[in-house]
Amino acid sequence: MSNQNSLKKIRIDVSGGFLVFIAGAYVLAGKKAFFAASAAVLAHETGHLLAMLLTGGEPTGIRMEAHGLRIDADSHGSPIISAAAGPAAGLLFAALARGETGRVSLALSLFNLLPYSKLDGGRMLSGRISQRAGTVLDCVSVLIMLAFGLFSRGAAAAGFWLLVDFAFGLL
């Protein structure tokens, strides 16, 4: 199947939780930060999608949920390259963007490189480490974000998100 045909068959699902999250982010962060984060997320997810298509992956859908975006695929092409491409695109965007948008993209990219199992860093390690080592890395990721949370509200929110996911597996 050609990449062009693959793109035509992508299903986009938007959950109510995503809409609540977006509205809350807009109200709590303000318009400028909201649009900076939106641009950073768009660059990040575009990196995943392009890498998937360039390595022979076949994306089937994009899910927008309360805990983030996810690209579903019948085949990810090269899973490591696809996982790494999001943060790589975000870092490139951070280097090109100015001001708050660049800083937000840098923070999002670094956050996604944490070796937490549901983040890109963890996905790059998936299948290469034991389940026990993965659990240890999840704990370390939570502790890192909670420590950074002492200095930044954004990091505190990200650390809390990881803690809730780790403790309850809700996300």
Protein backbone atom coordinates (compact mmCIF):
# COMPACT_ATOMS: atom_id res chain seq x y z
CA MET A 1 0.00 0.00 0.00
CA SER A 2 1.42 3.41 -0.86
CA ASN A 3 1.96 6.05 1.80
CA GLN A 4 -0.62 8.27 0.11
CA ASN A 5 -3.27 5.55 0.42
CA SER A 6 -2.18 4.94 4.03
CA LEU A 7 -2.88 8.56 4.91
CA LYS A 8 -6.37 8.44 3.41
CA LYS A 9 -7.37 5.58 5.73
CA ILE A 10 -6.35 7.17 9.02
CA ARG A 11 -9.24 7.37 11.44
CA ILE A 12 -9.23 10.26 13.91
CA ASP A 13 -10.95 9.73 17.26
CA VAL A 14 -11.41 12.53 19.78
CA SER A 15 -12.59 11.57 23.27
CA GLY A 16 -14.60 13.76 25.60
CA GLY A 17 -11.72 13.55 28.07
CA PHE A 18 -9.41 15.12 25.47
CA LEU A 19 -11.80 18.03 25.00
CA VAL A 20 -11.97 18.56 28.77
CA PHE A 21 -8.16 18.39 28.97
CA ILE A 22 -7.79 20.92 26.14
CA ALA A 23 -10.30 23.32 27.70
CA GLY A 24 -8.60 23.00 31.10
CA ALA A 25 -5.16 23.56 29.60
CA TYR A 26 -6.39 26.67 27.81
CA VAL A 27 -7.95 28.12 30.95
CA LEU A 28 -5.11 27.20 33.32
CA ALA A 29 -2.11 27.91 31.10
CA GLY A 30 -3.45 30.85 29.15
CA LYS A 31 -3.71 31.43 25.42
CA LYS A 32 -0.01 31.97 24.68
CA ALA A 33 1.19 28.84 26.52
CA PHE A 34 -1.69 26.80 25.12
CA PHE A 35 -0.81 27.61 21.52
CA ALA A 36 2.92 27.13 22.17
CA ALA A 37 2.19 23.65 23.55
CA SER A 38 -0.17 22.87 20.66
CA ALA A 39 2.53 23.75 18.11
CA ALA A 40 5.08 21.64 20.00
CA VAL A 41 2.73 18.64 20.13
CA LEU A 42 1.94 19.00 16.43
CA ALA A 43 5.66 18.99 15.54
CA HIS A 44 6.25 15.97 17.82
CA GLU A 45 3.40 13.88 16.44
CA THR A 46 4.25 14.84 12.85
CA GLY A 47 7.73 13.42 13.48
CA HIS A 48 6.22 10.09 14.56
CA LEU A 49 3.89 9.97 11.58
CA LEU A 50 6.55 10.85 9.01
CA ALA A 51 9.01 8.30 10.42
CA MET A 52 6.31 5.65 10.42
CA LEU A 53 5.47 6.35 6.77
CA LEU A 54 9.12 6.58 5.68
CA THR A 55 10.00 3.22 7.27
CA GLY A 56 7.07 1.35 5.75
CA GLY A 57 4.61 1.69 8.62
CA GLU A 58 0.88 1.78 8.02
CA PRO A 59 -0.88 4.21 10.38
CA THR A 60 -4.54 3.41 10.93
CA GLY A 61 -5.66 6.07 13.37
CA ILE A 62 -4.94 8.96 15.64
CA ARG A 63 -6.53 8.87 19.08
CA MET A 64 -6.83 12.04 21.14
CA GLU A 65 -7.51 11.14 24.75
CA ALA A 66 -7.27 12.83 28.14
CA HIS A 67 -3.72 11.56 28.65
CA GLY A 68 -2.40 12.48 25.21
CA LEU A 69 -2.24 11.58 21.56
CA ARG A 70 -1.53 8.17 20.12
CA ILE A 71 -0.93 7.05 16.56
CA ASP A 72 -2.25 3.53 15.97
CA ALA A 73 -0.75 1.42 13.23
CA ASP A 74 -0.95 -2.03 11.68
CA SER A 75 2.82 -1.73 11.34
CA HIS A 76 5.10 0.94 12.79
CA GLY A 77 7.81 0.29 10.20
CA SER A 78 10.79 0.60 12.52
CA PRO A 79 9.38 0.97 16.07
CA ILE A 80 12.60 2.47 17.44
CA ILE A 81 12.88 5.03 14.66
CA SER A 82 9.17 5.85 14.92
CA ALA A 83 9.44 6.34 18.70
CA ALA A 84 12.61 8.44 18.43
CA ALA A 85 11.25 10.62 15.62
CA GLY A 86 8.73 12.45 17.83
CA PRO A 87 11.33 13.83 20.26
CA ALA A 88 13.77 14.42 17.37
CA ALA A 89 11.18 16.49 15.49
CA GLY A 90 10.35 18.32 18.72
CA LEU A 91 14.02 19.13 19.36
CA LEU A 92 14.41 20.41 15.80
CA PHE A 93 11.28 22.51 16.20
CA ALA A 94 12.61 23.83 19.53
CA ALA A 95 15.83 24.91 17.80
CA LEU A 96 13.88 26.72 15.09
CA ALA A 97 11.09 28.20 17.20
CA ARG A 98 11.43 31.31 19.29
CA GLY A 99 10.57 32.16 22.85
CA GLU A 100 8.02 30.19 24.76
CA THR A 101 7.17 27.88 21.86
CA GLY A 102 10.79 26.72 21.62
CA ARG A 103 11.06 26.23 25.38
CA VAL A 104 7.82 24.23 25.50
CA SER A 105 8.92 22.04 22.59
CA LEU A 106 12.28 21.42 24.27
CA ALA A 107 10.58 20.46 27.55
CA LEU A 108 8.06 18.19 25.80
CA SER A 109 10.83 16.44 23.86
CA LEU A 110 13.00 15.88 26.94
CA PHE A 111 9.98 14.65 28.91
CA ASN A 112 9.15 12.15 26.16
CA LEU A 113 12.71 10.82 26.21
CA LEU A 114 12.33 9.62 29.80
CA PRO A 115 12.55 5.82 29.93
CA TYR A 116 8.95 5.54 31.20
CA SER A 117 7.19 2.62 29.51
CA LYS A 118 4.39 4.69 27.95
CA LEU A 119 6.63 7.52 26.74
CA ASP A 120 8.85 7.49 23.66
CA GLY A 121 12.01 6.79 25.68
CA GLY A 122 10.40 3.69 27.16
CA ARG A 123 9.11 2.58 23.77
CA MET A 124 12.64 2.82 22.36
CA LEU A 125 13.78 0.42 25.11
CA SER A 126 10.77 -1.91 24.80
CA GLY A 127 11.81 -5.49 24.18
CA ARG A 128 15.45 -4.71 24.98
CA ILE A 129 15.20 -4.75 28.76
CA SER A 130 13.52 -7.05 31.27
CA GLN A 131 10.12 -6.26 32.73
CA ARG A 132 11.75 -5.72 36.12
CA ALA A 133 14.24 -3.22 34.68
CA GLY A 134 11.32 -1.48 32.97
CA THR A 135 9.53 -1.14 36.31
CA VAL A 136 12.69 0.32 37.88
CA LEU A 137 13.01 2.80 35.00
CA ASP A 138 9.34 3.76 35.42
CA CYS A 139 10.02 4.52 39.11
CA VAL A 140 13.14 6.53 38.25
CA SER A 141 11.17 8.52 35.65
CA VAL A 142 8.47 9.38 38.18
CA LEU A 143 11.09 10.48 40.73
CA ILE A 144 12.90 12.62 38.14
CA MET A 145 9.71 14.44 37.18
CA LEU A 146 8.63 14.93 40.79
CA ALA A 147 12.09 16.35 41.59
CA PHE A 148 11.88 18.75 38.63
CA GLY A 149 8.40 19.58 39.84
CA LEU A 150 9.97 21.40 42.78
CA PHE A 151 11.15 24.01 40.29
CA SER A 152 8.41 24.03 37.64
CA ARG A 153 4.62 23.72 37.67
CA GLY A 154 4.74 22.01 34.26
CA ALA A 155 7.18 19.40 35.52
CA ALA A 156 5.09 18.95 38.66
CA ALA A 157 2.01 18.27 36.52
CA ALA A 158 3.97 15.82 34.34
CA GLY A 159 5.36 14.10 37.42
CA PHE A 160 1.88 13.79 38.90
CA TRP A 161 0.62 12.35 35.58
CA LEU A 162 3.37 9.70 35.66
CA LEU A 163 2.76 8.96 39.34
CA VAL A 164 -0.97 8.39 38.79
CA ASP A 165 -0.29 6.19 35.79
CA PHE A 166 2.40 4.20 37.59
CA ALA A 167 0.40 3.74 40.80
CA PHE A 168 -2.97 2.98 39.29
CA GLY A 169 -2.36 2.17 35.63
CA LEU A 170 -5.26 4.41 34.73
CA LEU A 171 -3.74 6.12 31.73
